[in-house]
Amino acid sequence: MAGDNVLHLDDDNFDAEVLSSQTPVLVDFWAEWCGPCHMLGPVIEELADEYAGRVKVGKVDVDQARQTAARFNIQNIPTVILFQNGKPVGSFVGVRRKAEYQALINGRLGAR
């Protein structure tokens, strides 16, 4: 359930791919059984394609990466967090319009 530009993130690679990244990383915390997560999936893939080379986009299956989900206190899904310089700089809980995710990303890209 992820396009070519969407990273599969888990407990083993999260720190290297997200927290150590030199570029912003948009992370979608989701689960296979979550209907709203499946609704959001195509938007995440579109964002990954649109921002390829400028922003990394990844997905964390909360059932498979429980430590990472707990570390960021993920209590509801989907939760989307934008990380920059290893820190969360913005987030949304629940499904939002694509334009809202774009505004979050564009705001951080301009704030370099």
N, C-alpha and C. Protein backbone atom coordinates (compact mmCIF):
# COMPACT_ATOMS: atom_id res chain seq x y z
N MET A 1 0.82 -1.20 0.00
CA MET A 1 0.00 0.00 0.00
C MET A 1 0.86 1.26 0.00
N ALA A 2 1.92 1.25 -0.73
CA ALA A 2 2.76 2.44 -0.80
C ALA A 2 3.37 2.55 -2.19
N GLY A 3 3.43 3.78 -2.68
CA GLY A 3 4.02 4.03 -3.99
C GLY A 3 5.54 3.97 -3.95
N ASP A 4 6.12 4.17 -5.11
CA ASP A 4 7.58 4.07 -5.24
C ASP A 4 8.33 5.09 -4.39
N ASN A 5 7.73 6.25 -4.15
CA ASN A 5 8.42 7.30 -3.39
C ASN A 5 8.08 7.29 -1.90
N VAL A 6 7.30 6.31 -1.46
CA VAL A 6 6.90 6.23 -0.05
C VAL A 6 7.78 5.21 0.66
N LEU A 7 8.43 5.66 1.72
CA LEU A 7 9.31 4.78 2.50
C LEU A 7 8.50 3.93 3.47
N HIS A 8 8.90 2.68 3.62
CA HIS A 8 8.33 1.82 4.66
C HIS A 8 9.19 2.04 5.90
N LEU A 9 8.60 2.59 6.94
CA LEU A 9 9.33 2.88 8.17
C LEU A 9 8.92 1.92 9.27
N ASP A 10 9.89 1.53 10.10
CA ASP A 10 9.60 0.63 11.21
C ASP A 10 10.52 0.95 12.38
N ASP A 11 10.44 0.15 13.42
CA ASP A 11 11.25 0.40 14.62
C ASP A 11 12.74 0.38 14.31
N ASP A 12 13.15 -0.41 13.31
CA ASP A 12 14.57 -0.55 13.01
C ASP A 12 15.16 0.60 12.20
N ASN A 13 14.37 1.20 11.32
CA ASN A 13 14.95 2.22 10.44
C ASN A 13 14.45 3.64 10.70
N PHE A 14 13.54 3.82 11.65
CA PHE A 14 12.93 5.13 11.86
C PHE A 14 13.96 6.21 12.19
N ASP A 15 14.83 5.94 13.13
CA ASP A 15 15.82 6.95 13.53
C ASP A 15 16.70 7.37 12.35
N ALA A 16 17.19 6.40 11.59
CA ALA A 16 18.08 6.70 10.47
C ALA A 16 17.35 7.44 9.35
N GLU A 17 16.15 7.00 9.03
CA GLU A 17 15.41 7.58 7.90
C GLU A 17 14.72 8.90 8.24
N VAL A 18 14.30 9.07 9.49
CA VAL A 18 13.51 10.25 9.86
C VAL A 18 14.30 11.20 10.74
N LEU A 19 14.73 10.73 11.90
CA LEU A 19 15.34 11.64 12.87
C LEU A 19 16.71 12.13 12.43
N SER A 20 17.43 11.35 11.61
CA SER A 20 18.75 11.77 11.13
C SER A 20 18.70 12.39 9.74
N SER A 21 17.52 12.54 9.19
CA SER A 21 17.38 13.05 7.82
C SER A 21 17.75 14.53 7.74
N GLN A 22 18.43 14.87 6.66
CA GLN A 22 18.78 16.26 6.40
C GLN A 22 17.62 17.01 5.74
N THR A 23 16.64 16.27 5.23
CA THR A 23 15.47 16.87 4.61
C THR A 23 14.25 16.61 5.49
N PRO A 24 13.21 17.42 5.37
CA PRO A 24 11.99 17.16 6.13
C PRO A 24 11.41 15.80 5.76
N VAL A 25 10.71 15.20 6.71
CA VAL A 25 10.10 13.89 6.49
C VAL A 25 8.65 13.93 6.97
N LEU A 26 7.74 13.61 6.07
CA LEU A 26 6.33 13.51 6.41
C LEU A 26 6.03 12.04 6.71
N VAL A 27 5.53 11.77 7.91
CA VAL A 27 5.30 10.38 8.34
C VAL A 27 3.83 10.16 8.61
N ASP A 28 3.28 9.14 7.95
CA ASP A 28 1.90 8.73 8.14
C ASP A 28 1.87 7.50 9.04
N PHE A 29 1.31 7.64 10.23
CA PHE A 29 1.13 6.51 11.15
C PHE A 29 -0.25 5.92 10.84
N TRP A 30 -0.29 4.64 10.49
CA TRP A 30 -1.50 4.02 10.00
C TRP A 30 -1.56 2.55 10.42
N ALA A 31 -2.65 1.87 10.06
CA ALA A 31 -2.78 0.43 10.27
C ALA A 31 -3.64 -0.16 9.16
N GLU A 32 -3.38 -1.41 8.86
CA GLU A 32 -4.09 -2.10 7.78
C GLU A 32 -5.61 -2.13 7.99
N TRP A 33 -6.05 -2.24 9.22
CA TRP A 33 -7.47 -2.37 9.54
C TRP A 33 -8.21 -1.04 9.61
N CYS A 34 -7.51 0.05 9.43
CA CYS A 34 -8.07 1.40 9.61
C CYS A 34 -8.64 1.95 8.30
N GLY A 35 -9.96 2.07 8.23
CA GLY A 35 -10.61 2.58 7.03
C GLY A 35 -10.15 3.98 6.64
N PRO A 36 -10.16 4.96 7.56
CA PRO A 36 -9.69 6.30 7.21
C PRO A 36 -8.23 6.31 6.73
N CYS A 37 -7.43 5.40 7.25
CA CYS A 37 -6.02 5.32 6.81
C CYS A 37 -5.96 4.95 5.33
N HIS A 38 -6.83 4.04 4.91
CA HIS A 38 -6.86 3.65 3.49
C HIS A 38 -7.36 4.81 2.62
N MET A 39 -8.26 5.62 3.15
CA MET A 39 -8.71 6.80 2.42
C MET A 39 -7.57 7.79 2.22
N LEU A 40 -6.71 7.91 3.23
CA LEU A 40 -5.60 8.86 3.18
C LEU A 40 -4.45 8.36 2.31
N GLY A 41 -4.32 7.06 2.15
CA GLY A 41 -3.19 6.47 1.43
C GLY A 41 -2.88 7.11 0.08
N PRO A 42 -3.87 7.28 -0.80
CA PRO A 42 -3.57 7.89 -2.10
C PRO A 42 -3.05 9.32 -1.99
N VAL A 43 -3.52 10.06 -1.01
CA VAL A 43 -3.03 11.44 -0.80
C VAL A 43 -1.56 11.41 -0.40
N ILE A 44 -1.21 10.49 0.50
CA ILE A 44 0.19 10.36 0.93
C ILE A 44 1.07 10.02 -0.26
N GLU A 45 0.60 9.11 -1.12
CA GLU A 45 1.38 8.75 -2.32
C GLU A 45 1.55 9.94 -3.26
N GLU A 46 0.48 10.72 -3.43
CA GLU A 46 0.57 11.91 -4.28
C GLU A 46 1.57 12.91 -3.71
N LEU A 47 1.54 13.11 -2.41
CA LEU A 47 2.49 14.03 -1.77
C LEU A 47 3.92 13.53 -1.95
N ALA A 48 4.12 12.23 -1.82
CA ALA A 48 5.46 11.66 -2.00
C ALA A 48 5.98 11.92 -3.40
N ASP A 49 5.11 11.80 -4.39
CA ASP A 49 5.51 12.05 -5.77
C ASP A 49 5.77 13.54 -6.01
N GLU A 50 4.88 14.40 -5.50
CA GLU A 50 5.01 15.84 -5.71
C GLU A 50 6.26 16.43 -5.07
N TYR A 51 6.61 15.92 -3.90
CA TYR A 51 7.73 16.50 -3.15
C TYR A 51 9.01 15.66 -3.24
N ALA A 52 9.04 14.70 -4.14
CA ALA A 52 10.22 13.84 -4.30
C ALA A 52 11.47 14.69 -4.48
N GLY A 53 12.50 14.37 -3.70
CA GLY A 53 13.75 15.11 -3.77
C GLY A 53 13.82 16.28 -2.80
N ARG A 54 12.67 16.72 -2.30
CA ARG A 54 12.64 17.84 -1.36
C ARG A 54 12.18 17.43 0.02
N VAL A 55 11.26 16.45 0.06
CA VAL A 55 10.70 15.96 1.31
C VAL A 55 10.60 14.44 1.20
N LYS A 56 11.03 13.74 2.22
CA LYS A 56 10.83 12.30 2.27
C LYS A 56 9.45 12.03 2.85
N VAL A 57 8.79 11.02 2.35
CA VAL A 57 7.47 10.64 2.83
C VAL A 57 7.50 9.17 3.19
N GLY A 58 7.03 8.86 4.39
CA GLY A 58 7.05 7.47 4.83
C GLY A 58 5.80 7.10 5.59
N LYS A 59 5.60 5.79 5.73
CA LYS A 59 4.46 5.25 6.45
C LYS A 59 4.95 4.31 7.53
N VAL A 60 4.32 4.42 8.71
CA VAL A 60 4.61 3.53 9.84
C VAL A 60 3.34 2.76 10.16
N ASP A 61 3.38 1.45 10.01
CA ASP A 61 2.27 0.59 10.43
C ASP A 61 2.38 0.45 11.94
N VAL A 62 1.42 1.04 12.67
CA VAL A 62 1.51 1.07 14.13
C VAL A 62 1.44 -0.32 14.76
N ASP A 63 0.86 -1.28 14.04
CA ASP A 63 0.82 -2.65 14.57
C ASP A 63 2.16 -3.35 14.42
N GLN A 64 2.94 -2.94 13.44
CA GLN A 64 4.24 -3.55 13.20
C GLN A 64 5.39 -2.78 13.86
N ALA A 65 5.16 -1.53 14.19
CA ALA A 65 6.21 -0.67 14.78
C ALA A 65 5.67 -0.06 16.06
N ARG A 66 5.37 -0.91 17.00
CA ARG A 66 4.74 -0.46 18.25
C ARG A 66 5.64 0.48 19.05
N GLN A 67 6.94 0.22 19.06
CA GLN A 67 7.85 1.09 19.83
C GLN A 67 7.85 2.51 19.27
N THR A 68 7.89 2.63 17.96
CA THR A 68 7.90 3.95 17.34
C THR A 68 6.58 4.67 17.59
N ALA A 69 5.47 3.95 17.46
CA ALA A 69 4.16 4.56 17.71
C ALA A 69 4.06 5.03 19.16
N ALA A 70 4.53 4.24 20.08
CA ALA A 70 4.47 4.61 21.50
C ALA A 70 5.39 5.80 21.78
N ARG A 71 6.54 5.81 21.15
CA ARG A 71 7.51 6.88 21.36
C ARG A 71 6.95 8.26 21.01
N PHE A 72 6.08 8.29 19.99
CA PHE A 72 5.49 9.55 19.57
C PHE A 72 4.03 9.68 20.02
N ASN A 73 3.66 8.83 20.98
CA ASN A 73 2.35 8.90 21.64
C ASN A 73 1.20 8.89 20.64
N ILE A 74 1.30 7.99 19.66
CA ILE A 74 0.25 7.87 18.66
C ILE A 74 -0.92 7.13 19.29
N GLN A 75 -2.03 7.84 19.47
CA GLN A 75 -3.20 7.25 20.10
C GLN A 75 -4.37 7.11 19.14
N ASN A 76 -4.36 7.88 18.08
CA ASN A 76 -5.40 7.80 17.05
C ASN A 76 -4.73 7.77 15.69
N ILE A 77 -5.34 7.03 14.77
CA ILE A 77 -4.80 6.97 13.42
C ILE A 77 -5.92 7.25 12.43
N PRO A 78 -5.58 7.80 11.29
CA PRO A 78 -4.23 8.18 10.90
C PRO A 78 -3.74 9.42 11.64
N THR A 79 -2.46 9.43 11.95
CA THR A 79 -1.77 10.61 12.45
C THR A 79 -0.61 10.86 11.50
N VAL A 80 -0.51 12.09 11.02
CA VAL A 80 0.57 12.47 10.11
C VAL A 80 1.41 13.53 10.81
N ILE A 81 2.72 13.27 10.89
CA ILE A 81 3.64 14.19 11.55
C ILE A 81 4.73 14.60 10.56
N LEU A 82 5.01 15.89 10.51
CA LEU A 82 6.13 16.38 9.72
C LEU A 82 7.31 16.58 10.65
N PHE A 83 8.43 15.94 10.32
CA PHE A 83 9.66 16.06 11.09
C PHE A 83 10.65 16.90 10.31
N GLN A 84 11.36 17.76 11.03
CA GLN A 84 12.44 18.54 10.43
C GLN A 84 13.56 18.63 11.44
N ASN A 85 14.76 18.34 10.99
CA ASN A 85 15.93 18.32 11.87
C ASN A 85 15.70 17.40 13.07
N GLY A 86 15.03 16.29 12.83
CA GLY A 86 14.84 15.28 13.87
C GLY A 86 13.73 15.57 14.87
N LYS A 87 12.97 16.64 14.64
CA LYS A 87 11.92 17.00 15.60
C LYS A 87 10.58 17.16 14.89
N PRO A 88 9.50 16.79 15.58
CA PRO A 88 8.17 17.03 15.01
C PRO A 88 7.91 18.54 14.94
N VAL A 89 7.47 19.01 13.78
CA VAL A 89 7.22 20.45 13.61
C VAL A 89 5.77 20.74 13.23
N GLY A 90 4.97 19.70 13.07
CA GLY A 90 3.56 19.88 12.75
C GLY A 90 2.90 18.53 12.62
N SER A 91 1.60 18.49 12.90
CA SER A 91 0.91 17.20 12.80
C SER A 91 -0.58 17.40 12.60
N PHE A 92 -1.19 16.34 12.09
CA PHE A 92 -2.64 16.26 11.92
C PHE A 92 -3.09 14.90 12.40
N VAL A 93 -4.22 14.85 13.09
CA VAL A 93 -4.84 13.59 13.46
C VAL A 93 -6.13 13.49 12.67
N GLY A 94 -6.33 12.35 12.02
CA GLY A 94 -7.49 12.16 11.16
C GLY A 94 -7.17 12.55 9.73
N VAL A 95 -8.11 12.30 8.86
CA VAL A 95 -7.93 12.60 7.44
C VAL A 95 -8.20 14.08 7.21
N ARG A 96 -7.31 14.70 6.47
CA ARG A 96 -7.45 16.11 6.11
C ARG A 96 -7.41 16.25 4.59
N ARG A 97 -7.74 17.43 4.13
CA ARG A 97 -7.62 17.72 2.70
C ARG A 97 -6.15 17.78 2.31
N LYS A 98 -5.87 17.39 1.10
CA LYS A 98 -4.49 17.39 0.60
C LYS A 98 -3.86 18.77 0.76
N ALA A 99 -4.63 19.81 0.53
CA ALA A 99 -4.11 21.18 0.62
C ALA A 99 -3.58 21.50 2.02
N GLU A 100 -4.16 20.89 3.04
CA GLU A 100 -3.67 21.14 4.40
C GLU A 100 -2.29 20.54 4.61
N TYR A 101 -2.07 19.35 4.07
CA TYR A 101 -0.74 18.74 4.17
C TYR A 101 0.27 19.55 3.35
N GLN A 102 -0.16 20.00 2.18
CA GLN A 102 0.72 20.82 1.34
C GLN A 102 1.10 22.11 2.05
N ALA A 103 0.14 22.74 2.71
CA ALA A 103 0.42 24.00 3.42
C ALA A 103 1.43 23.76 4.55
N LEU A 104 1.28 22.65 5.25
CA LEU A 104 2.23 22.32 6.32
C LEU A 104 3.64 22.14 5.76
N ILE A 105 3.72 21.37 4.69
CA ILE A 105 5.04 21.11 4.07
C ILE A 105 5.63 22.39 3.51
N ASN A 106 4.83 23.13 2.74
CA ASN A 106 5.34 24.36 2.12
C ASN A 106 5.78 25.38 3.16
N GLY A 107 5.08 25.44 4.27
CA GLY A 107 5.47 26.35 5.34
C GLY A 107 6.83 26.02 5.90
N ARG A 108 7.14 24.74 6.00
CA ARG A 108 8.44 24.33 6.54
C ARG A 108 9.53 24.45 5.48
N LEU A 109 9.21 24.19 4.24
CA LEU A 109 10.23 24.34 3.19
C LEU A 109 10.67 25.79 3.07
N GLY A 110 9.74 26.70 3.29
CA GLY A 110 10.07 28.13 3.24
C GLY A 110 10.78 28.61 4.49
N ALA A 111 10.75 27.80 5.56
CA ALA A 111 11.32 28.20 6.84
C ALA A 111 12.71 27.66 7.06
N ARG A 112 13.37 27.29 6.00
CA ARG A 112 14.72 26.75 6.14
C ARG A 112 15.61 27.87 6.50
